[in-house]
Protein backbone atom coordinates (compact mmCIF):
# COMPACT_ATOMS: atom_id res chain seq x y z
CA MET A 1 -59.07 -28.58 16.28
CA GLN A 2 -59.80 -28.05 13.09
CA GLY A 3 -57.01 -26.90 11.95
CA LEU A 4 -55.32 -30.55 13.33
CA LEU A 5 -57.98 -32.72 11.97
CA SER A 6 -57.54 -31.34 8.34
CA ILE A 7 -55.43 -33.63 5.96
CA LYS A 8 -55.38 -31.00 3.05
CA LEU A 9 -52.81 -28.96 5.95
CA TRP A 10 -50.92 -32.21 6.75
CA GLY A 11 -50.71 -32.50 2.75
CA ILE A 12 -49.17 -29.73 3.14
CA ILE A 13 -46.87 -30.44 6.14
CA PHE A 14 -45.75 -33.67 4.65
CA VAL A 15 -44.95 -32.10 0.88
CA ARG A 16 -42.61 -29.38 2.93
CA LEU A 17 -41.42 -31.77 5.55
CA MET A 18 -40.29 -34.36 1.80
CA ASN A 19 -38.96 -30.84 0.15
CA ALA A 20 -36.59 -30.14 2.87
CA ILE A 21 -35.43 -34.03 3.20
CA PHE A 22 -33.00 -34.41 -0.19
CA PRO A 23 -33.90 -37.87 -1.26
CA THR A 24 -31.25 -39.14 -1.43
CA ILE A 25 -31.54 -39.27 2.82
CA LEU A 26 -35.31 -40.89 1.82
CA VAL A 27 -33.70 -43.47 -0.51
CA LEU A 28 -31.50 -44.47 2.41
CA LEU A 29 -33.41 -44.64 5.37
CA VAL A 30 -35.52 -47.42 3.12
CA PHE A 31 -32.19 -49.70 3.14
CA SER A 32 -31.31 -48.90 7.00
CA TYR A 33 -35.19 -50.16 8.17
CA LYS A 34 -33.04 -53.86 9.08
CA ASP A 35 -30.38 -51.41 11.03
CA VAL A 36 -33.36 -48.93 13.11
CA ARG A 37 -34.86 -52.82 14.05
CA LYS A 38 -31.78 -53.87 15.53
CA ALA A 39 -31.06 -50.85 17.46
CA TRP A 40 -34.37 -50.11 18.80
CA LYS A 41 -34.19 -52.01 21.49
CA THR A 42 -31.33 -50.47 22.83
CA PRO A 43 -31.95 -47.43 25.55
CA TYR A 44 -30.06 -44.03 24.30
CA PHE A 45 -31.21 -45.38 20.43
CA ARG A 46 -35.05 -44.67 21.57
CA LEU A 47 -33.51 -41.66 23.48
CA PHE A 48 -32.63 -40.60 20.35
CA MET A 49 -36.04 -41.23 18.42
CA VAL A 50 -37.43 -38.94 21.57
CA PHE A 51 -35.50 -35.77 20.68
CA MET A 52 -36.43 -36.54 16.52
CA ALA A 53 -39.97 -36.49 17.63
CA VAL A 54 -39.77 -33.28 19.48
CA GLU A 55 -38.29 -31.67 17.17
CA VAL A 56 -40.47 -32.61 14.11
CA LEU A 57 -43.87 -31.98 16.83
CA SER A 58 -42.07 -28.62 17.72
CA ARG A 59 -42.43 -27.85 13.97
CA VAL A 60 -45.93 -29.03 13.64
CA PHE A 61 -46.42 -26.40 15.95
CA VAL A 62 -45.29 -23.92 14.79
CA PHE A 63 -46.74 -24.55 11.49
CA PHE A 64 -50.79 -24.65 13.12
CA MET A 65 -49.45 -21.33 14.97
CA GLY A 66 -49.86 -19.41 11.72
CA LEU A 67 -46.44 -17.73 11.87
CA PRO A 68 -44.55 -17.66 8.71
CA PHE A 69 -43.73 -21.44 7.99
CA GLN A 70 -40.67 -22.20 5.28
CA GLY A 71 -39.62 -25.17 4.51
CA ARG A 72 -35.56 -24.70 5.82
CA TYR A 73 -37.03 -24.80 9.08
CA LEU A 74 -37.03 -28.71 8.11
CA TYR A 75 -33.49 -28.90 7.80
CA SER A 76 -32.81 -29.73 10.96
CA ILE A 77 -35.28 -32.84 10.21
CA SER A 78 -33.06 -33.84 7.47
CA ILE A 79 -29.95 -33.77 10.34
CA PHE A 80 -31.31 -36.18 12.00
CA ALA A 81 -33.08 -38.59 8.98
CA CYS A 82 -29.16 -38.51 8.00
CA ILE A 83 -27.84 -40.38 10.72
CA LEU A 84 -30.43 -43.10 10.80
CA ALA A 85 -30.10 -43.28 6.62
CA GLY A 86 -25.95 -43.90 7.81
CA ALA A 87 -26.66 -47.15 7.50
CA GLY A 88 -28.98 -47.25 4.51
CA LEU A 89 -25.65 -46.90 2.46
CA LEU A 90 -23.22 -50.10 3.87
CA GLU A 91 -26.57 -52.16 3.21
CA LEU A 92 -27.37 -50.42 -0.19
CA ALA A 93 -23.80 -51.11 -1.04
CA ARG A 94 -23.57 -54.48 -0.56
CA LEU A 95 -26.75 -54.78 -2.29
CA SER A 96 -25.49 -52.68 -5.61
CA GLU A 97 -22.12 -54.72 -5.55
CA PRO A 98 -22.98 -57.19 -7.87
CA TYR A 99 -24.22 -55.80 -10.06
CA LEU A 100 -21.74 -52.68 -9.83
CA LYS A 101 -18.99 -55.17 -10.54
CA LYS A 102 -20.79 -55.89 -13.99
CA ILE A 103 -19.56 -52.81 -14.98
CA GLY A 104 -16.09 -52.49 -15.99
CA ILE A 105 -15.09 -49.37 -15.02
CA PHE A 106 -16.15 -50.01 -11.18
CA ARG A 107 -14.70 -53.54 -10.91
CA ASN A 108 -11.74 -52.36 -8.84
CA VAL A 109 -13.38 -49.71 -7.14
CA SER A 110 -15.52 -50.07 -4.06
CA ALA A 111 -19.57 -50.16 -4.18
CA VAL A 112 -20.05 -48.29 -0.66
CA ALA A 113 -17.18 -45.47 -2.84
CA VAL A 114 -19.41 -45.69 -5.56
CA ILE A 115 -22.58 -45.04 -4.12
CA LEU A 116 -21.09 -42.79 -1.92
CA VAL A 117 -20.17 -40.14 -4.91
CA ILE A 118 -23.70 -41.08 -6.53
CA VAL A 119 -25.64 -39.80 -3.13
CA LEU A 120 -22.87 -36.39 -2.92
CA ALA A 121 -23.41 -35.97 -6.30
CA ILE A 122 -27.22 -35.57 -6.69
CA ASP A 123 -26.77 -33.98 -3.01
CA ALA A 124 -24.85 -30.74 -4.61
CA GLY A 125 -26.95 -30.56 -7.61
CA LYS A 126 -29.70 -30.24 -4.86
CA GLY A 127 -27.93 -28.29 -2.67
CA LEU A 128 -26.43 -25.67 -5.38
CA ALA A 129 -29.27 -25.06 -7.10
CA ASN A 130 -30.28 -21.38 -6.67
CA LYS A 131 -34.45 -21.23 -5.87
CA ASN A 132 -35.83 -17.24 -5.56
CA ASP A 133 -37.77 -18.56 -2.66
CA LYS A 134 -40.37 -15.71 -0.94
CA ASN A 135 -39.30 -13.16 -4.47
CA TYR A 136 -42.92 -11.07 -3.34
CA LEU A 137 -40.93 -9.24 -0.01
CA GLU A 138 -38.74 -7.71 -3.05
CA ILE A 139 -40.65 -7.42 -5.20
CA ILE A 140 -42.94 -5.64 -2.83
CA THR A 141 -40.86 -3.68 -0.77
CA ALA A 142 -39.38 -1.94 -4.33
CA LEU A 143 -42.93 -1.33 -5.70
CA VAL A 144 -43.84 0.29 -2.16
CA LYS A 145 -40.03 2.55 -1.89
CA GLU A 146 -40.79 3.38 -5.85
CA ASN A 147 -44.70 4.52 -5.77
CA CYS A 148 -45.14 5.44 -2.05
CA PRO A 149 -44.92 9.87 -2.60
CA ARG A 150 -45.71 10.72 1.57
CA GLY A 151 -46.79 9.34 4.76
CA LYS A 152 -46.31 5.97 5.95
CA PRO A 153 -47.68 3.37 3.12
CA ILE A 154 -50.86 0.64 3.88
CA ILE A 155 -50.65 -2.73 2.44
CA ILE A 156 -53.49 -4.73 2.04
CA SER A 157 -52.20 -8.34 0.81
CA GLU A 158 -53.95 -11.57 0.37
CA ILE A 159 -50.40 -12.84 1.21
CA ASN A 160 -51.03 -13.49 4.64
CA ASP A 161 -47.13 -12.68 5.36
CA VAL A 162 -46.24 -10.06 8.37
CA ARG A 163 -42.72 -9.70 6.91
CA ILE A 164 -44.44 -7.29 4.11
CA GLY A 165 -44.84 -4.53 6.11
CA TYR A 166 -41.58 -4.91 7.54
CA TYR A 167 -39.58 -5.11 4.59
CA ALA A 168 -41.61 -2.10 3.44
CA LYS A 169 -41.84 -0.38 6.32
CA SER A 170 -45.29 -0.59 6.17
CA ASP A 171 -48.43 -0.72 7.84
CA ILE A 172 -49.89 -4.59 7.14
CA LEU A 173 -53.59 -5.94 6.97
CA ASN A 174 -55.00 -9.44 5.61
CA LEU A 175 -57.43 -9.55 2.77
CA THR A 176 -59.83 -12.36 2.04
CA TYR A 177 -62.13 -12.81 -0.96
CA LYS A 178 -64.49 -15.26 -1.68
CA GLY A 179 -62.53 -18.03 -3.82
CA SER A 180 -59.27 -17.10 -1.26
CA ASN A 181 -56.68 -19.50 -0.37
CA ASP A 182 -56.87 -18.63 3.60
CA LYS A 183 -56.79 -20.38 6.35
CA TYR A 184 -58.36 -18.32 9.28
CA VAL A 185 -60.94 -16.50 7.07
CA VAL A 186 -63.13 -17.81 5.25
CA VAL A 187 -65.27 -15.51 3.44
CA ASN A 188 -68.07 -17.34 1.41
CA LYS A 189 -69.57 -13.61 -0.06
CA GLY A 190 -67.97 -10.95 -1.01
CA TRP A 191 -64.35 -10.12 1.11
CA CYS A 192 -62.79 -8.87 4.78
CA ILE A 193 -60.08 -6.89 5.75
CA TRP A 194 -58.42 -7.93 9.28
CA LEU A 195 -55.43 -7.18 11.39
CA PRO A 196 -52.78 -9.59 10.80
CA ASP A 197 -52.51 -9.95 14.58
CA SER A 198 -56.07 -10.36 15.59
CA ARG A 199 -56.91 -14.08 13.40
CA PRO A 200 -60.64 -14.24 14.14
CA VAL A 201 -61.08 -16.63 16.52
CA ALA A 202 -65.15 -17.70 16.94
CA SER A 203 -65.95 -14.60 16.06
CA LYS A 204 -65.13 -12.79 18.96
CA SER A 205 -62.42 -10.05 16.83
CA LEU A 206 -63.74 -7.86 14.36
CA PRO A 207 -62.20 -7.47 10.97
CA VAL A 208 -61.36 -3.72 9.58
CA ALA A 209 -63.78 -3.83 6.71
CA GLN A 210 -65.89 -6.35 5.25
CA SER A 211 -68.82 -6.46 2.23
CA ASP A 212 -70.76 -8.84 0.44
CA ASP A 213 -70.22 -6.19 -2.52
CA MET A 214 -66.66 -6.95 -4.36
CA GLY A 215 -67.31 -3.97 -6.06
CA LYS A 216 -66.88 -1.81 -2.94
CA LEU A 217 -64.17 -2.31 -2.03
CA PRO A 218 -61.94 0.46 -3.94
CA VAL A 219 -64.70 2.55 -1.27
CA ALA A 220 -63.14 0.84 1.15
CA LEU A 221 -59.34 1.17 0.63
CA SER A 222 -59.98 5.10 -0.29
CA HIS A 223 -61.16 5.80 3.70
CA LEU A 224 -57.85 4.28 4.31
CA GLY A 225 -55.67 6.50 3.00
CA ASN A 226 -54.75 7.89 0.15
CA GLU A 227 -51.37 7.34 -2.62
CA ASN A 228 -49.61 5.99 0.28
CA VAL A 229 -51.99 2.20 0.31
CA PHE A 230 -51.21 -0.65 -1.58
CA LEU A 231 -53.54 -3.23 -2.41
CA VAL A 232 -51.80 -7.18 -3.25
CA VAL A 233 -53.57 -10.11 -4.55
CA ARG A 234 -53.14 -13.42 -6.25
CA LEU A 235 -55.13 -12.70 -9.23
CA GLY A 236 -54.09 -11.77 -13.02
CA ASP A 237 -55.16 -7.78 -13.60
CA GLN A 238 -57.77 -9.04 -15.96
CA ASP A 239 -59.34 -11.49 -13.52
CA PHE A 240 -58.75 -9.49 -10.82
CA ARG A 241 -61.11 -6.88 -12.39
CA SER A 242 -63.18 -9.53 -13.36
CA MET A 243 -63.66 -10.64 -9.85
CA PHE A 244 -63.76 -6.69 -8.04
CA GLY A 245 -66.47 -5.92 -11.38
CA ILE A 246 -63.45 -2.99 -12.16
CA SER A 247 -63.90 -1.79 -15.57
CA ASP A 248 -61.24 -1.39 -18.16
CA SER A 249 -62.53 1.66 -19.76
CA SER A 250 -63.22 3.51 -16.56
CA PRO A 251 -60.96 5.25 -14.91
CA SER A 252 -59.99 3.59 -12.34
CA VAL A 253 -58.85 3.98 -8.40
CA LEU A 254 -56.85 1.81 -8.18
CA THR A 255 -53.22 1.35 -11.01
CA HIS A 256 -52.09 -1.71 -11.79
CA LEU A 257 -48.35 -1.31 -10.73
CA LYS A 258 -47.09 -5.27 -11.81
CA THR A 259 -48.72 -8.70 -12.02
CA PHE A 260 -45.21 -11.22 -11.64
CA LYS A 261 -45.10 -14.69 -10.31
CA ASP A 262 -44.70 -16.34 -6.95
CA ASP A 263 -42.33 -19.36 -5.90
CA SER A 264 -45.06 -22.10 -7.08
CA GLY A 265 -45.50 -19.52 -10.52
CA LYS A 266 -49.59 -18.09 -9.91
CA PRO A 267 -49.58 -14.73 -10.80
CA VAL A 268 -49.47 -11.48 -8.22
CA SER A 269 -51.07 -8.39 -8.69
CA MET A 270 -49.89 -5.22 -7.31
CA TYR A 271 -52.12 -1.42 -7.27
CA ARG A 272 -51.94 1.64 -5.48
CA LEU A 273 -54.66 3.83 -5.05
CA ASN A 274 -54.79 6.81 -7.08
CA THR A 275 -55.89 10.52 -5.75
CA GLN A 276 -59.31 10.51 -6.92
CA LYS A 277 -61.47 8.73 -4.91
CA PRO A 278 -64.40 6.81 -5.89
């Protein structure tokens, strides 16, 4: 229930919805309000709106289930919105026609054609733009294959995405620590390692390992395996070492493999457990 009342989570849903629906559709929806208001009196239109509401709520339900949720899951909403936005194309053309006629090149061209070309050009630019979504799946998988000498890999990841384990053919555990942004496990002090398929609900599920001391994380990792254990955190290397009390001068049980940027441009660092145990 707390999740449903979270303004932050609803804000995330709204942002993803706005990213999924092309901006031109939103503009045309504004100009279609008159026709939508008239059509609301007809039963078949109200039935259409019910189908659209069910589609939206089903996607919201999946989001709150905590499953990996990407913006493309909302593209079906964009299809529904296109139907409503169609009426806005004619209304926008009607309002802009007097202004377009003052421009010589558009004097003998239909305003509908001009608006349609503009909409198609904007949508084509957005649709053809290359977006490297979830690039961490490829990077983490490549690093695991390159640096795992023997045995099945074990990945302890702050990124809560079970697909990391699937693509890397490894066991996956989640890491949450003080200051991290995890909506399922809140850690006020220290850190917690837990199974992604056993989210703590009302303290009924216990974590795999936990500690109030940040510096004890390498010790806990050494109990999980040797050389085949990998750690992924949403921190730069120096920030990670500082937060978890790992000295730069002393030999570390963790070898820094790579720091890269996620889809939001924030640093993600990956480490491998050394053969030397603390």
